[in-house]
Each structure stands twice: as structure tokens, then as C-alpha cells.
């Protein structure tokens, strides 16, 4: 397949502009392809291709972030690469996540202080056009119940609030509260089986028909 047709096929799978721009310049920085040739293959102006490649060489992935000027007279905040990537990951993982939660998660993970206004501005400049499919296990899909409960506690300790945690892991907010309360009360022992099970959990009701049978026999 000619490179131009191959690129046209790849474009159908791109989920954001950074991925697109990286694929444009990848043969240049990895395989020493000429800028003019890559421009011909992609149909993108030669000077734009060269500029993208130059920024990538000098700055890495952050160099591919949209360079359009922000508000007049005000310099846009630039996050370190690891922070920027994690903010985008969080918003892709769970779009309803609040800006203040992202601020808290970033500070706990990286020790990096920011604020909800700056996070909001950053995400407005770098929108997520397509929701990616992440290999992220919902609470009830864990094979090990202890690991599922530990995941709840981990995410809570990382800065997620209980509402977002419940939405992301697909379990009730009540169950989230119970797991966290059990951990705060009993530590890791609180994550063991039956310690954090809700009162109306189906497993707690398994003996009910049997007891009724005994009482009515």
C-alpha cells in the first residue's frame, strides 16, 4: 500500500490531534525520512511538517501540543509532560471527573500544585474528541474481591471523590462509603471478605429462604 494511502487509513483510527501529529512526523524522527517526502505522503504543507518535527525533537510530546495563542496578553500555563499526560488520561478514563478532583489527584501523585481554573483552561485547549476504550476493570468484574476493595481504597487515597469513584468503578456510592469506612476503622483487615459487604448484599440473603422454611415447617 502506498504511504499516502496508508496514512489515510491510519487517520480513521486517530483519537486526538497529538496522535495525528506524531504519526505525521514519526518516519522523519525515527527513520530519517525527508520532510518533503513526508509532506507529499500526508498532504500537509512542508513547512508545517518540518515545524512539527522540530518541536518534537526539541520538546518531546509536549512539543506537539497545540501552539495556537491563548488569550491576548496572557501566557498559557504549560504543565510538565508527565502531569499533562496524566490529566488527559484521567479525563479520558472518566469524563465527569471534576477539575478540583484532578487538582487533588495531580498533587498527590506528582506533588505538583495547580488549580481548577488552570486545569479547566488546559482541557479546553486540548479537548478529548473521542472517548477511548481503556482496559479498566469495573468493581464487580474483579476475580478477587479483596483486590476490588483495595482498588477502591487506592483511588480514594489518590484523590478521587466517592461519587466519581462509584461512577468509574460502576458500583453504588453506599458500597464505596462502606469499603472506605471499613478500611479507616480496621485497616487492611477491613478489606477481607464479609467485612465490607452491604447489609442487603445478595450473599447475605442466601440463607434466608432456608430459615423461612425451617420456621414454617
C-alpha atoms as a PDB file:
ATOM      1  CA  UNK A   1       0.000   0.000   0.000  1.00  0.00           C
ATOM      2  CA  UNK A   2       1.469   3.438  -0.941  1.00  0.00           C
ATOM      3  CA  UNK A   3       2.443   5.580   2.092  1.00  0.00           C
ATOM      4  CA  UNK A   4      -0.190   8.194   1.251  1.00  0.00           C
ATOM      5  CA  UNK A   5      -2.983   5.597   1.271  1.00  0.00           C
ATOM      6  CA  UNK A   6      -1.577   4.040   4.453  1.00  0.00           C
ATOM      7  CA  UNK A   7      -1.707   7.426   6.183  1.00  0.00           C
ATOM      8  CA  UNK A   8      -5.289   7.973   5.005  1.00  0.00           C
ATOM      9  CA  UNK A   9      -6.251   4.637   6.585  1.00  0.00           C
ATOM     10  CA  UNK A  10      -4.469   5.475   9.830  1.00  0.00           C
ATOM     11  CA  UNK A  11      -6.303   8.808  10.087  1.00  0.00           C
ATOM     12  CA  UNK A  12      -9.558   6.921  10.538  1.00  0.00           C
ATOM     13  CA  UNK A  13      -8.213   5.477  13.811  1.00  0.00           C
ATOM     14  CA  UNK A  14      -6.753   8.635  15.342  1.00  0.00           C
ATOM     15  CA  UNK A  15      -8.487   9.821  18.520  1.00  0.00           C
ATOM     16  CA  UNK A  16      -6.811  13.203  19.023  1.00  0.00           C
ATOM     17  CA  UNK A  17      -4.599  15.712  17.200  1.00  0.00           C
ATOM     18  CA  UNK A  18      -1.450  14.783  19.140  1.00  0.00           C
ATOM     19  CA  UNK A  19      -1.698  11.216  17.896  1.00  0.00           C
ATOM     20  CA  UNK A  20      -2.225  12.552  14.373  1.00  0.00           C
ATOM     21  CA  UNK A  21       0.759  14.896  14.546  1.00  0.00           C
ATOM     22  CA  UNK A  22       3.047  12.232  15.967  1.00  0.00           C
ATOM     23  CA  UNK A  23       2.188   9.866  13.132  1.00  0.00           C
ATOM     24  CA  UNK A  24       2.926  12.657  10.666  1.00  0.00           C
ATOM     25  CA  UNK A  25       6.471  13.174  11.970  1.00  0.00           C
ATOM     26  CA  UNK A  26       7.270   9.635  13.166  1.00  0.00           C
ATOM     27  CA  UNK A  27       9.049   8.477   9.951  1.00  0.00           C
ATOM     28  CA  UNK A  28      11.116  11.675   9.999  1.00  0.00           C
ATOM     29  CA  UNK A  29      12.447  11.311  13.548  1.00  0.00           C
ATOM     30  CA  UNK A  30      12.698   7.506  13.590  1.00  0.00           C
ATOM     31  CA  UNK A  31      13.687   6.576  10.045  1.00  0.00           C
ATOM     32  CA  UNK A  32      15.352   9.761   8.726  1.00  0.00           C
ATOM     33  CA  UNK A  33      12.673  10.295   6.104  1.00  0.00           C
ATOM     34  CA  UNK A  34      12.884  13.673   4.336  1.00  0.00           C
ATOM     35  CA  UNK A  35      10.393  16.340   5.323  1.00  0.00           C
ATOM     36  CA  UNK A  36       9.454  16.978   1.702  1.00  0.00           C
ATOM     37  CA  UNK A  37       8.658  13.311   1.142  1.00  0.00           C
ATOM     38  CA  UNK A  38       6.534  13.080   4.273  1.00  0.00           C
ATOM     39  CA  UNK A  39       4.724  16.242   3.235  1.00  0.00           C
ATOM     40  CA  UNK A  40       3.872  14.610  -0.089  1.00  0.00           C
ATOM     41  CA  UNK A  41       2.675  11.429   1.611  1.00  0.00           C
ATOM     42  CA  UNK A  42       0.421  13.183   4.118  1.00  0.00           C
ATOM     43  CA  UNK A  43      -0.787  16.091   2.013  1.00  0.00           C
ATOM     44  CA  UNK A  44       0.331  18.514   4.746  1.00  0.00           C
ATOM     45  CA  UNK A  45       2.329  21.634   3.867  1.00  0.00           C
ATOM     46  CA  UNK A  46       6.070  21.040   4.039  1.00  0.00           C
ATOM     47  CA  UNK A  47       6.780  23.920   6.444  1.00  0.00           C
ATOM     48  CA  UNK A  48       4.130  22.643   8.880  1.00  0.00           C
ATOM     49  CA  UNK A  49       5.549  19.124   8.822  1.00  0.00           C
ATOM     50  CA  UNK A  50       9.055  20.448   9.400  1.00  0.00           C
ATOM     51  CA  UNK A  51       7.914  22.666  12.276  1.00  0.00           C
ATOM     52  CA  UNK A  52       6.092  19.778  13.981  1.00  0.00           C
ATOM     53  CA  UNK A  53       9.168  17.564  13.682  1.00  0.00           C
ATOM     54  CA  UNK A  54      11.465  20.299  15.005  1.00  0.00           C
ATOM     55  CA  UNK A  55       9.254  20.928  18.066  1.00  0.00           C
ATOM     56  CA  UNK A  56       9.111  17.210  18.793  1.00  0.00           C
ATOM     57  CA  UNK A  57      12.902  16.872  18.671  1.00  0.00           C
ATOM     58  CA  UNK A  58      13.338  19.849  20.995  1.00  0.00           C
ATOM     59  CA  UNK A  59      10.473  19.250  23.457  1.00  0.00           C
ATOM     60  CA  UNK A  60       9.233  15.685  23.055  1.00  0.00           C
ATOM     61  CA  UNK A  61       5.471  15.046  23.114  1.00  0.00           C
ATOM     62  CA  UNK A  62       4.641  18.439  24.706  1.00  0.00           C
ATOM     63  CA  UNK A  63       6.033  19.994  21.529  1.00  0.00           C
ATOM     64  CA  UNK A  64       3.067  18.572  19.645  1.00  0.00           C
ATOM     65  CA  UNK A  65       0.530  20.285  21.903  1.00  0.00           C
ATOM     66  CA  UNK A  66      -1.494  22.915  20.088  1.00  0.00           C
ATOM     67  CA  UNK A  67       0.680  26.022  19.754  1.00  0.00           C
ATOM     68  CA  UNK A  68      -2.128  28.445  18.937  1.00  0.00           C
ATOM     69  CA  UNK A  69      -2.002  31.581  21.044  1.00  0.00           C
ATOM     70  CA  UNK A  70      -4.273  31.743  24.026  1.00  0.00           C
ATOM     71  CA  UNK A  71      -5.879  34.840  25.448  1.00  0.00           C
ATOM     72  CA  UNK A  72      -4.233  38.039  24.289  1.00  0.00           C
ATOM     73  CA  UNK A  73      -1.501  39.272  26.589  1.00  0.00           C
ATOM     74  CA  UNK A  74      -1.651  36.141  28.757  1.00  0.00           C
ATOM     75  CA  UNK A  75       0.799  33.293  28.526  1.00  0.00           C
ATOM     76  CA  UNK A  76      -0.769  29.847  28.714  1.00  0.00           C
ATOM     77  CA  UNK A  77       0.359  27.618  31.548  1.00  0.00           C
ATOM     78  CA  UNK A  78       2.494  24.703  30.428  1.00  0.00           C
ATOM     79  CA  UNK A  79       2.316  21.564  32.541  1.00  0.00           C
ATOM     80  CA  UNK A  80       5.285  19.182  32.766  1.00  0.00           C
ATOM     81  CA  UNK A  81       4.841  16.344  30.289  1.00  0.00           C
ATOM     82  CA  UNK A  82       4.008  13.690  32.897  1.00  0.00           C
ATOM     83  CA  UNK A  83       1.387  15.932  34.524  1.00  0.00           C
ATOM     84  CA  UNK A  84      -0.176  16.922  31.195  1.00  0.00           C
ATOM     85  CA  UNK A  85      -0.404  13.314  30.036  1.00  0.00           C
ATOM     86  CA  UNK A  86      -1.963  12.200  33.341  1.00  0.00           C
ATOM     87  CA  UNK A  87      -4.577  14.966  33.271  1.00  0.00           C
ATOM     88  CA  UNK A  88      -5.618  13.890  29.773  1.00  0.00           C
ATOM     89  CA  UNK A  89      -5.642  10.239  30.876  1.00  0.00           C
ATOM     90  CA  UNK A  90      -7.906  10.997  33.856  1.00  0.00           C
ATOM     91  CA  UNK A  91     -10.376  12.936  31.721  1.00  0.00           C
ATOM     92  CA  UNK A  92     -10.424  10.152  29.124  1.00  0.00           C
ATOM     93  CA  UNK A  93     -10.840   7.497  31.802  1.00  0.00           C
ATOM     94  CA  UNK A  94     -13.796   9.218  33.470  1.00  0.00           C
ATOM     95  CA  UNK A  95     -15.069  12.357  31.675  1.00  0.00           C
ATOM     96  CA  UNK A  96     -17.360  13.529  34.558  1.00  0.00           C
ATOM     97  CA  UNK A  97     -14.294  13.922  36.814  1.00  0.00           C
ATOM     98  CA  UNK A  98     -14.319  17.407  38.364  1.00  0.00           C
ATOM     99  CA  UNK A  99     -11.477  19.865  37.864  1.00  0.00           C
ATOM    100  CA  UNK A 100     -10.878  20.154  41.622  1.00  0.00           C
ATOM    101  CA  UNK A 101     -10.545  16.372  41.845  1.00  0.00           C
ATOM    102  CA  UNK A 102      -7.937  16.434  39.087  1.00  0.00           C
ATOM    103  CA  UNK A 103      -6.052  19.129  41.023  1.00  0.00           C
ATOM    104  CA  UNK A 104      -6.039  16.917  44.126  1.00  0.00           C
ATOM    105  CA  UNK A 105      -5.028  13.764  42.231  1.00  0.00           C
ATOM    106  CA  UNK A 106      -2.172  15.543  40.453  1.00  0.00           C
ATOM    107  CA  UNK A 107      -0.836  16.996  43.717  1.00  0.00           C
ATOM    108  CA  UNK A 108      -0.928  13.626  45.479  1.00  0.00           C
ATOM    109  CA  UNK A 109       0.644  11.751  42.572  1.00  0.00           C
ATOM    110  CA  UNK A 110       3.295  14.242  41.485  1.00  0.00           C
ATOM    111  CA  UNK A 111       3.496  16.762  44.339  1.00  0.00           C
ATOM    112  CA  UNK A 112       2.594  19.333  41.670  1.00  0.00           C
ATOM    113  CA  UNK A 113       0.301  22.175  42.748  1.00  0.00           C
ATOM    114  CA  UNK A 114      -2.152  23.695  40.311  1.00  0.00           C
ATOM    115  CA  UNK A 115      -5.739  24.956  40.474  1.00  0.00           C
ATOM    116  CA  UNK A 116      -9.092  24.112  38.925  1.00  0.00           C
ATOM    117  CA  UNK A 117      -9.095  27.198  36.673  1.00  0.00           C
ATOM    118  CA  UNK A 118      -5.765  26.226  35.094  1.00  0.00           C
ATOM    119  CA  UNK A 119      -6.886  22.610  34.662  1.00  0.00           C
ATOM    120  CA  UNK A 120     -10.116  23.775  33.028  1.00  0.00           C
ATOM    121  CA  UNK A 121      -8.185  26.045  30.640  1.00  0.00           C
ATOM    122  CA  UNK A 122      -5.766  23.231  29.774  1.00  0.00           C
ATOM    123  CA  UNK A 123      -8.594  20.797  28.965  1.00  0.00           C
ATOM    124  CA  UNK A 124     -10.411  23.411  26.891  1.00  0.00           C
ATOM    125  CA  UNK A 125      -7.251  23.823  24.793  1.00  0.00           C
ATOM    126  CA  UNK A 126      -6.817  20.052  24.495  1.00  0.00           C
ATOM    127  CA  UNK A 127     -10.299  18.566  24.149  1.00  0.00           C
ATOM    128  CA  UNK A 128     -10.884  14.826  24.100  1.00  0.00           C
ATOM    129  CA  UNK A 129     -12.747  14.334  20.789  1.00  0.00           C
ATOM    130  CA  UNK A 130     -13.305  10.600  21.164  1.00  0.00           C
ATOM    131  CA  UNK A 131     -13.752   8.588  24.348  1.00  0.00           C
ATOM    132  CA  UNK A 132     -11.051   5.938  24.343  1.00  0.00           C
ATOM    133  CA  UNK A 133     -11.726   2.396  25.465  1.00  0.00           C
ATOM    134  CA  UNK A 134      -9.496   1.705  28.443  1.00  0.00           C
ATOM    135  CA  UNK A 135      -8.642  -1.693  29.791  1.00  0.00           C
ATOM    136  CA  UNK A 136     -10.056  -0.697  33.172  1.00  0.00           C
ATOM    137  CA  UNK A 137     -11.750  -3.308  35.353  1.00  0.00           C
ATOM    138  CA  UNK A 138     -15.102  -2.412  36.922  1.00  0.00           C
ATOM    139  CA  UNK A 139     -15.559  -3.341  40.584  1.00  0.00           C
ATOM    140  CA  UNK A 140     -17.779  -6.389  40.024  1.00  0.00           C
ATOM    141  CA  UNK A 141     -15.521  -7.731  37.250  1.00  0.00           C
ATOM    142  CA  UNK A 142     -12.566  -8.337  39.577  1.00  0.00           C
ATOM    143  CA  UNK A 143     -11.940 -12.018  40.152  1.00  0.00           C
ATOM    144  CA  UNK A 144     -10.578 -11.260  43.611  1.00  0.00           C
ATOM    145  CA  UNK A 145     -12.948  -9.337  45.928  1.00  0.00           C
ATOM    146  CA  UNK A 146     -10.066  -8.172  48.122  1.00  0.00           C
ATOM    147  CA  UNK A 147      -8.324  -6.635  45.093  1.00  0.00           C
ATOM    148  CA  UNK A 148     -11.559  -4.896  44.105  1.00  0.00           C
ATOM    149  CA  UNK A 149     -11.896  -3.322  47.561  1.00  0.00           C
ATOM    150  CA  UNK A 150      -8.219  -2.363  47.603  1.00  0.00           C
ATOM    151  CA  UNK A 151      -8.697  -0.616  44.242  1.00  0.00           C
ATOM    152  CA  UNK A 152     -11.467   1.489  45.796  1.00  0.00           C
ATOM    153  CA  UNK A 153      -9.213   2.475  48.695  1.00  0.00           C
ATOM    154  CA  UNK A 154      -6.270   3.203  46.378  1.00  0.00           C
ATOM    155  CA  UNK A 155      -8.278   5.512  44.128  1.00  0.00           C
ATOM    156  CA  UNK A 156      -9.798   7.275  47.134  1.00  0.00           C
ATOM    157  CA  UNK A 157      -6.334   7.825  48.624  1.00  0.00           C
ATOM    158  CA  UNK A 158      -5.153   9.195  45.259  1.00  0.00           C
ATOM    159  CA  UNK A 159      -7.742  11.975  45.440  1.00  0.00           C
ATOM    160  CA  UNK A 160     -10.878  10.629  43.739  1.00  0.00           C
ATOM    161  CA  UNK A 161     -14.083  11.615  45.499  1.00  0.00           C
ATOM    162  CA  UNK A 162     -16.584   8.899  46.402  1.00  0.00           C
ATOM    163  CA  UNK A 163     -19.139   9.884  43.760  1.00  0.00           C
ATOM    164  CA  UNK A 164     -16.624   9.736  40.906  1.00  0.00           C
ATOM    165  CA  UNK A 165     -15.156   6.542  42.315  1.00  0.00           C
ATOM    166  CA  UNK A 166     -18.572   4.893  42.260  1.00  0.00           C
ATOM    167  CA  UNK A 167     -19.232   6.052  38.714  1.00  0.00           C
ATOM    168  CA  UNK A 168     -15.863   4.969  37.356  1.00  0.00           C
ATOM    169  CA  UNK A 169     -15.884   1.536  39.025  1.00  0.00           C
ATOM    170  CA  UNK A 170     -19.621   1.036  38.432  1.00  0.00           C
ATOM    171  CA  UNK A 171     -20.768   0.329  41.979  1.00  0.00           C
ATOM    172  CA  UNK A 172     -23.096   2.119  44.393  1.00  0.00           C
ATOM    173  CA  UNK A 173     -21.936   5.129  46.355  1.00  0.00           C
ATOM    174  CA  UNK A 174     -23.169   3.380  49.518  1.00  0.00           C
ATOM    175  CA  UNK A 175     -20.827   0.474  48.846  1.00  0.00           C
ATOM    176  CA  UNK A 176     -17.924   2.866  48.304  1.00  0.00           C
ATOM    177  CA  UNK A 177     -18.667   4.523  51.670  1.00  0.00           C
ATOM    178  CA  UNK A 178     -18.775   1.139  53.410  1.00  0.00           C
ATOM    179  CA  UNK A 179     -15.468  -0.033  51.946  1.00  0.00           C
ATOM    180  CA  UNK A 180     -13.675   3.177  52.902  1.00  0.00           C
ATOM    181  CA  UNK A 181     -15.231   3.258  56.377  1.00  0.00           C
ATOM    182  CA  UNK A 182     -14.170  -0.367  56.955  1.00  0.00           C
ATOM    183  CA  UNK A 183     -10.618   0.476  55.894  1.00  0.00           C
ATOM    184  CA  UNK A 184     -10.477   3.558  58.120  1.00  0.00           C
ATOM    185  CA  UNK A 185     -11.790   1.524  61.049  1.00  0.00           C
ATOM    186  CA  UNK A 186      -9.941  -1.793  60.619  1.00  0.00           C
ATOM    187  CA  UNK A 187      -7.128  -1.100  58.169  1.00  0.00           C
ATOM    188  CA  UNK A 188      -6.363  -3.846  55.648  1.00  0.00           C
ATOM    189  CA  UNK A 189      -8.324  -6.344  57.726  1.00  0.00           C
ATOM    190  CA  UNK A 190     -11.396  -4.343  56.754  1.00  0.00           C
ATOM    191  CA  UNK A 191     -10.909  -5.373  53.137  1.00  0.00           C
ATOM    192  CA  UNK A 192     -11.293  -9.081  53.880  1.00  0.00           C
ATOM    193  CA  UNK A 193     -14.437 -10.967  52.831  1.00  0.00           C
ATOM    194  CA  UNK A 194     -17.699 -10.106  54.594  1.00  0.00           C
ATOM    195  CA  UNK A 195     -16.182  -7.132  56.442  1.00  0.00           C
ATOM    196  CA  UNK A 196     -17.364  -4.568  53.867  1.00  0.00           C
ATOM    197  CA  UNK A 197     -20.405  -6.332  52.445  1.00  0.00           C
ATOM    198  CA  UNK A 198     -23.563  -4.146  52.369  1.00  0.00           C
ATOM    199  CA  UNK A 199     -26.448  -5.414  54.589  1.00  0.00           C
ATOM    200  CA  UNK A 200     -28.627  -6.052  51.524  1.00  0.00           C
ATOM    201  CA  UNK A 201     -25.858  -7.816  49.566  1.00  0.00           C
ATOM    202  CA  UNK A 202     -27.269 -10.974  47.834  1.00  0.00           C
ATOM    203  CA  UNK A 203     -24.674 -13.126  49.578  1.00  0.00           C
ATOM    204  CA  UNK A 204     -26.110 -12.089  52.934  1.00  0.00           C
ATOM    205  CA  UNK A 205     -29.535 -13.263  51.886  1.00  0.00           C
ATOM    206  CA  UNK A 206     -28.551 -16.755  50.765  1.00  0.00           C
ATOM    207  CA  UNK A 207     -29.697 -18.438  53.959  1.00  0.00           C
ATOM    208  CA  UNK A 208     -32.977 -16.525  54.226  1.00  0.00           C
ATOM    209  CA  UNK A 209     -35.205 -18.993  52.259  1.00  0.00           C
ATOM    210  CA  UNK A 210     -33.748 -21.861  54.262  1.00  0.00           C
ATOM    211  CA  UNK A 211     -34.521 -20.128  57.566  1.00  0.00           C
ATOM    212  CA  UNK A 212     -38.068 -19.317  56.470  1.00  0.00           C
ATOM    213  CA  UNK A 213     -38.551 -22.971  55.550  1.00  0.00           C
ATOM    214  CA  UNK A 214     -37.451 -24.030  58.995  1.00  0.00           C
ATOM    215  CA  UNK A 215     -39.735 -21.572  60.728  1.00  0.00           C
ATOM    216  CA  UNK A 216     -42.812 -22.562  58.708  1.00  0.00           C
ATOM    217  CA  UNK A 217     -42.266 -26.313  58.674  1.00  0.00           C
END
